[in-house]
C-alpha atoms as a PDB file:
ATOM      1  CA  UNK A   1     178.747 134.102 -92.106  1.00  0.00           C
ATOM      2  CA  UNK A   2     175.009 133.606 -92.287  1.00  0.00           C
ATOM      3  CA  UNK A   3     172.581 136.234 -93.569  1.00  0.00           C
ATOM      4  CA  UNK A   4     171.226 136.923 -90.074  1.00  0.00           C
ATOM      5  CA  UNK A   5     174.665 137.831 -88.695  1.00  0.00           C
ATOM      6  CA  UNK A   6     175.432 139.975 -91.718  1.00  0.00           C
ATOM      7  CA  UNK A   7     172.102 141.812 -91.358  1.00  0.00           C
ATOM      8  CA  UNK A   8     172.714 142.446 -87.634  1.00  0.00           C
ATOM      9  CA  UNK A   9     176.152 143.904 -88.361  1.00  0.00           C
ATOM     10  CA  UNK A  10     174.835 146.071 -91.208  1.00  0.00           C
ATOM     11  CA  UNK A  11     171.890 147.324 -89.105  1.00  0.00           C
ATOM     12  CA  UNK A  12     174.216 148.173 -86.212  1.00  0.00           C
ATOM     13  CA  UNK A  13     176.603 149.954 -88.569  1.00  0.00           C
ATOM     14  CA  UNK A  14     173.774 152.055 -90.034  1.00  0.00           C
ATOM     15  CA  UNK A  15     172.465 152.881 -86.559  1.00  0.00           C
ATOM     16  CA  UNK A  16     175.975 153.942 -85.496  1.00  0.00           C
ATOM     17  CA  UNK A  17     176.371 156.171 -88.567  1.00  0.00           C
ATOM     18  CA  UNK A  18     172.973 157.796 -87.978  1.00  0.00           C
ATOM     19  CA  UNK A  19     173.776 158.411 -84.326  1.00  0.00           C
ATOM     20  CA  UNK A  20     177.155 159.907 -85.182  1.00  0.00           C
ATOM     21  CA  UNK A  21     175.699 162.192 -87.849  1.00  0.00           C
ATOM     22  CA  UNK A  22     173.169 163.600 -85.372  1.00  0.00           C
ATOM     23  CA  UNK A  23     175.795 163.929 -82.642  1.00  0.00           C
ATOM     24  CA  UNK A  24     173.440 165.866 -80.392  1.00  0.00           C
ATOM     25  CA  UNK A  25     174.672 164.144 -77.224  1.00  0.00           C
ATOM     26  CA  UNK A  26     178.065 165.840 -77.392  1.00  0.00           C
ATOM     27  CA  UNK A  27     176.548 169.257 -77.982  1.00  0.00           C
ATOM     28  CA  UNK A  28     174.024 168.704 -75.179  1.00  0.00           C
ATOM     29  CA  UNK A  29     176.842 167.734 -72.795  1.00  0.00           C
ATOM     30  CA  UNK A  30     178.810 170.858 -73.740  1.00  0.00           C
ATOM     31  CA  UNK A  31     175.762 173.078 -73.216  1.00  0.00           C
ATOM     32  CA  UNK A  32     174.984 171.474 -69.846  1.00  0.00           C
ATOM     33  CA  UNK A  33     178.547 171.912 -68.610  1.00  0.00           C
ATOM     34  CA  UNK A  34     179.016 175.440 -69.934  1.00  0.00           C
ATOM     35  CA  UNK A  35     178.942 178.152 -67.293  1.00  0.00           C
ATOM     36  CA  UNK A  36     178.734 180.880 -69.928  1.00  0.00           C
ATOM     37  CA  UNK A  37     175.412 181.699 -71.663  1.00  0.00           C
ATOM     38  CA  UNK A  38     177.237 183.104 -74.687  1.00  0.00           C
ATOM     39  CA  UNK A  39     179.069 179.817 -75.202  1.00  0.00           C
ATOM     40  CA  UNK A  40     175.880 177.810 -74.709  1.00  0.00           C
ATOM     41  CA  UNK A  41     174.190 179.841 -77.448  1.00  0.00           C
ATOM     42  CA  UNK A  42     177.204 179.445 -79.752  1.00  0.00           C
ATOM     43  CA  UNK A  43     177.289 175.676 -79.342  1.00  0.00           C
ATOM     44  CA  UNK A  44     173.724 175.436 -80.649  1.00  0.00           C
ATOM     45  CA  UNK A  45     174.815 176.914 -83.979  1.00  0.00           C
ATOM     46  CA  UNK A  46     178.050 174.973 -84.326  1.00  0.00           C
ATOM     47  CA  UNK A  47     178.746 171.829 -86.284  1.00  0.00           C
ATOM     48  CA  UNK A  48     180.884 169.009 -84.947  1.00  0.00           C
ATOM     49  CA  UNK A  49     183.523 169.922 -87.524  1.00  0.00           C
ATOM     50  CA  UNK A  50     183.620 173.501 -86.209  1.00  0.00           C
ATOM     51  CA  UNK A  51     184.234 172.139 -82.703  1.00  0.00           C
ATOM     52  CA  UNK A  52     187.021 169.915 -84.010  1.00  0.00           C
ATOM     53  CA  UNK A  53     188.710 172.766 -85.887  1.00  0.00           C
ATOM     54  CA  UNK A  54     188.514 174.902 -82.739  1.00  0.00           C
ATOM     55  CA  UNK A  55     190.010 171.972 -80.830  1.00  0.00           C
ATOM     56  CA  UNK A  56     192.845 171.690 -83.373  1.00  0.00           C
ATOM     57  CA  UNK A  57     193.587 175.397 -83.088  1.00  0.00           C
ATOM     58  CA  UNK A  58     193.548 175.179 -79.298  1.00  0.00           C
ATOM     59  CA  UNK A  59     195.941 172.213 -79.301  1.00  0.00           C
ATOM     60  CA  UNK A  60     198.426 173.500 -81.866  1.00  0.00           C
ATOM     61  CA  UNK A  61     198.220 177.300 -81.664  1.00  0.00           C
ATOM     62  CA  UNK A  62     199.613 179.350 -83.172  1.00  0.00           C
ATOM     63  CA  UNK A  63     198.723 177.218 -86.176  1.00  0.00           C
ATOM     64  CA  UNK A  64     198.126 177.747 -89.880  1.00  0.00           C
ATOM     65  CA  UNK A  65     195.317 176.321 -92.000  1.00  0.00           C
ATOM     66  CA  UNK A  66     197.518 173.755 -93.734  1.00  0.00           C
ATOM     67  CA  UNK A  67     198.559 172.224 -90.412  1.00  0.00           C
ATOM     68  CA  UNK A  68     194.932 172.122 -89.239  1.00  0.00           C
ATOM     69  CA  UNK A  69     193.970 170.444 -92.522  1.00  0.00           C
ATOM     70  CA  UNK A  70     196.691 167.808 -92.160  1.00  0.00           C
ATOM     71  CA  UNK A  71     196.167 167.166 -88.444  1.00  0.00           C
ATOM     72  CA  UNK A  72     192.385 166.801 -88.763  1.00  0.00           C
ATOM     73  CA  UNK A  73     192.456 165.230 -92.235  1.00  0.00           C
ATOM     74  CA  UNK A  74     189.977 167.706 -93.737  1.00  0.00           C
ATOM     75  CA  UNK A  75     190.274 169.753 -96.949  1.00  0.00           C
ATOM     76  CA  UNK A  76     192.015 173.144 -96.798  1.00  0.00           C
ATOM     77  CA  UNK A  77     188.926 174.808 -98.271  1.00  0.00           C
ATOM     78  CA  UNK A  78     186.808 173.473 -95.409  1.00  0.00           C
ATOM     79  CA  UNK A  79     189.334 174.762 -92.879  1.00  0.00           C
ATOM     80  CA  UNK A  80     189.236 178.202 -94.492  1.00  0.00           C
ATOM     81  CA  UNK A  81     185.436 178.316 -94.413  1.00  0.00           C
ATOM     82  CA  UNK A  82     185.242 177.086 -90.818  1.00  0.00           C
ATOM     83  CA  UNK A  83     187.936 179.456 -89.537  1.00  0.00           C
ATOM     84  CA  UNK A  84     185.991 182.381 -91.017  1.00  0.00           C
ATOM     85  CA  UNK A  85     182.895 181.214 -89.137  1.00  0.00           C
ATOM     86  CA  UNK A  86     184.877 180.772 -85.910  1.00  0.00           C
ATOM     87  CA  UNK A  87     186.318 184.284 -86.295  1.00  0.00           C
ATOM     88  CA  UNK A  88     182.812 185.688 -86.840  1.00  0.00           C
ATOM     89  CA  UNK A  89     181.808 184.057 -83.544  1.00  0.00           C
ATOM     90  CA  UNK A  90     184.914 185.598 -81.914  1.00  0.00           C
ATOM     91  CA  UNK A  91     186.218 182.174 -80.876  1.00  0.00           C
ATOM     92  CA  UNK A  92     189.499 182.551 -82.763  1.00  0.00           C
ATOM     93  CA  UNK A  93     191.576 185.374 -84.184  1.00  0.00           C
ATOM     94  CA  UNK A  94     193.887 185.474 -87.180  1.00  0.00           C
ATOM     95  CA  UNK A  95     197.425 186.793 -87.122  1.00  0.00           C
ATOM     96  CA  UNK A  96     198.872 187.797 -90.479  1.00  0.00           C
ATOM     97  CA  UNK A  97     202.639 187.495 -90.657  1.00  0.00           C
ATOM     98  CA  UNK A  98     204.362 190.753 -91.662  1.00  0.00           C
ATOM     99  CA  UNK A  99     206.729 189.133 -94.158  1.00  0.00           C
ATOM    100  CA  UNK A 100     204.098 186.848 -95.715  1.00  0.00           C
ATOM    101  CA  UNK A 101     200.588 188.195 -96.316  1.00  0.00           C
ATOM    102  CA  UNK A 102     199.302 184.758 -97.366  1.00  0.00           C
ATOM    103  CA  UNK A 103     200.402 183.008 -94.169  1.00  0.00           C
ATOM    104  CA  UNK A 104     197.777 183.217 -91.431  1.00  0.00           C
ATOM    105  CA  UNK A 105     198.241 181.873 -87.916  1.00  0.00           C
ATOM    106  CA  UNK A 106     195.176 181.161 -85.814  1.00  0.00           C
ATOM    107  CA  UNK A 107     194.843 181.602 -82.058  1.00  0.00           C
ATOM    108  CA  UNK A 108     191.928 181.028 -79.714  1.00  0.00           C
ATOM    109  CA  UNK A 109     190.374 184.059 -78.046  1.00  0.00           C
ATOM    110  CA  UNK A 110     189.486 183.970 -74.345  1.00  0.00           C
ATOM    111  CA  UNK A 111     185.990 182.803 -75.293  1.00  0.00           C
ATOM    112  CA  UNK A 112     187.433 180.258 -77.715  1.00  0.00           C
ATOM    113  CA  UNK A 113     189.839 179.004 -75.053  1.00  0.00           C
ATOM    114  CA  UNK A 114     186.920 178.482 -72.683  1.00  0.00           C
ATOM    115  CA  UNK A 115     185.040 176.399 -75.269  1.00  0.00           C
ATOM    116  CA  UNK A 116     188.258 174.559 -76.188  1.00  0.00           C
ATOM    117  CA  UNK A 117     188.780 173.621 -72.508  1.00  0.00           C
ATOM    118  CA  UNK A 118     185.180 172.445 -72.243  1.00  0.00           C
ATOM    119  CA  UNK A 119     185.610 170.368 -75.401  1.00  0.00           C
ATOM    120  CA  UNK A 120     188.757 168.812 -73.906  1.00  0.00           C
ATOM    121  CA  UNK A 121     186.743 167.862 -70.797  1.00  0.00           C
ATOM    122  CA  UNK A 122     184.171 166.214 -73.076  1.00  0.00           C
ATOM    123  CA  UNK A 123     186.869 164.135 -74.753  1.00  0.00           C
ATOM    124  CA  UNK A 124     188.281 163.055 -71.377  1.00  0.00           C
ATOM    125  CA  UNK A 125     184.783 162.014 -70.305  1.00  0.00           C
ATOM    126  CA  UNK A 126     184.285 160.071 -73.531  1.00  0.00           C
ATOM    127  CA  UNK A 127     187.678 158.336 -73.231  1.00  0.00           C
ATOM    128  CA  UNK A 128     186.950 157.336 -69.633  1.00  0.00           C
ATOM    129  CA  UNK A 129     183.515 155.961 -70.511  1.00  0.00           C
ATOM    130  CA  UNK A 130     184.811 154.243 -73.640  1.00  0.00           C
ATOM    131  CA  UNK A 131     187.533 152.546 -71.592  1.00  0.00           C
ATOM    132  CA  UNK A 132     184.920 151.330 -69.114  1.00  0.00           C
ATOM    133  CA  UNK A 133     182.749 150.081 -71.981  1.00  0.00           C
ATOM    134  CA  UNK A 134     185.636 148.075 -73.468  1.00  0.00           C
ATOM    135  CA  UNK A 135     186.381 146.322 -70.167  1.00  0.00           C
ATOM    136  CA  UNK A 136     183.597 143.832 -70.825  1.00  0.00           C
ATOM    137  CA  UNK A 137     185.603 142.374 -73.730  1.00  0.00           C
ATOM    138  CA  UNK A 138     188.604 140.052 -73.509  1.00  0.00           C
ATOM    139  CA  UNK A 139     191.932 141.012 -75.056  1.00  0.00           C
ATOM    140  CA  UNK A 140     191.404 138.557 -77.931  1.00  0.00           C
ATOM    141  CA  UNK A 141     187.931 139.995 -78.600  1.00  0.00           C
ATOM    142  CA  UNK A 142     189.392 143.500 -78.612  1.00  0.00           C
ATOM    143  CA  UNK A 143     191.990 142.441 -81.199  1.00  0.00           C
ATOM    144  CA  UNK A 144     189.223 141.141 -83.482  1.00  0.00           C
ATOM    145  CA  UNK A 145     187.144 144.293 -82.941  1.00  0.00           C
ATOM    146  CA  UNK A 146     190.179 146.474 -83.649  1.00  0.00           C
ATOM    147  CA  UNK A 147     191.009 144.603 -86.870  1.00  0.00           C
ATOM    148  CA  UNK A 148     187.369 144.794 -87.966  1.00  0.00           C
ATOM    149  CA  UNK A 149     187.154 148.547 -87.329  1.00  0.00           C
ATOM    150  CA  UNK A 150     190.436 149.206 -89.152  1.00  0.00           C
ATOM    151  CA  UNK A 151     189.174 147.236 -92.155  1.00  0.00           C
ATOM    152  CA  UNK A 152     185.819 149.011 -91.992  1.00  0.00           C
ATOM    153  CA  UNK A 153     187.424 152.454 -91.847  1.00  0.00           C
ATOM    154  CA  UNK A 154     189.465 151.693 -94.960  1.00  0.00           C
ATOM    155  CA  UNK A 155     186.602 150.299 -97.025  1.00  0.00           C
ATOM    156  CA  UNK A 156     183.890 151.828 -99.150  1.00  0.00           C
ATOM    157  CA  UNK A 157     180.703 149.979 -99.976  1.00  0.00           C
ATOM    158  CA  UNK A 158     179.780 152.154-102.933  1.00  0.00           C
ATOM    159  CA  UNK A 159     181.137 151.592-106.426  1.00  0.00           C
ATOM    160  CA  UNK A 160     181.459 154.799-108.417  1.00  0.00           C
ATOM    161  CA  UNK A 161     181.497 154.815-112.210  1.00  0.00           C
ATOM    162  CA  UNK A 162     184.713 156.016-113.796  1.00  0.00           C
END
């Protein structure tokens, strides 16, 4: 591979990471499609991770924090912090089991269910558009792209001292 190709790939990768970290498009879409002013205001103050935890609760409810952590591949401490924030926004509620005070099951509230449904619509829209985007590539190109992305996802480019 020549230096020009490598630089183009690296520049595109950095641009993709920056775009993903901002992630304003998804929040803007949710706010535009929301028919509820309260939800629109909530979305402004939510992180992408909060939306994904709400989505996990909506998909698996009633669900405990450990399952959310495993399903979304995020630390249990992060789940605990985010669920507290979602409860403060009245998007989810916690159910403590009578025979086990440590076990907490999470459920969406009516407001949380509305945002969960809207988030599901967003994902359907993204999947549809992503499928259309991929149609411009041949099957063999898609196999190369897939292998590249799998390798990329499993690689770090930073060497940490031990």
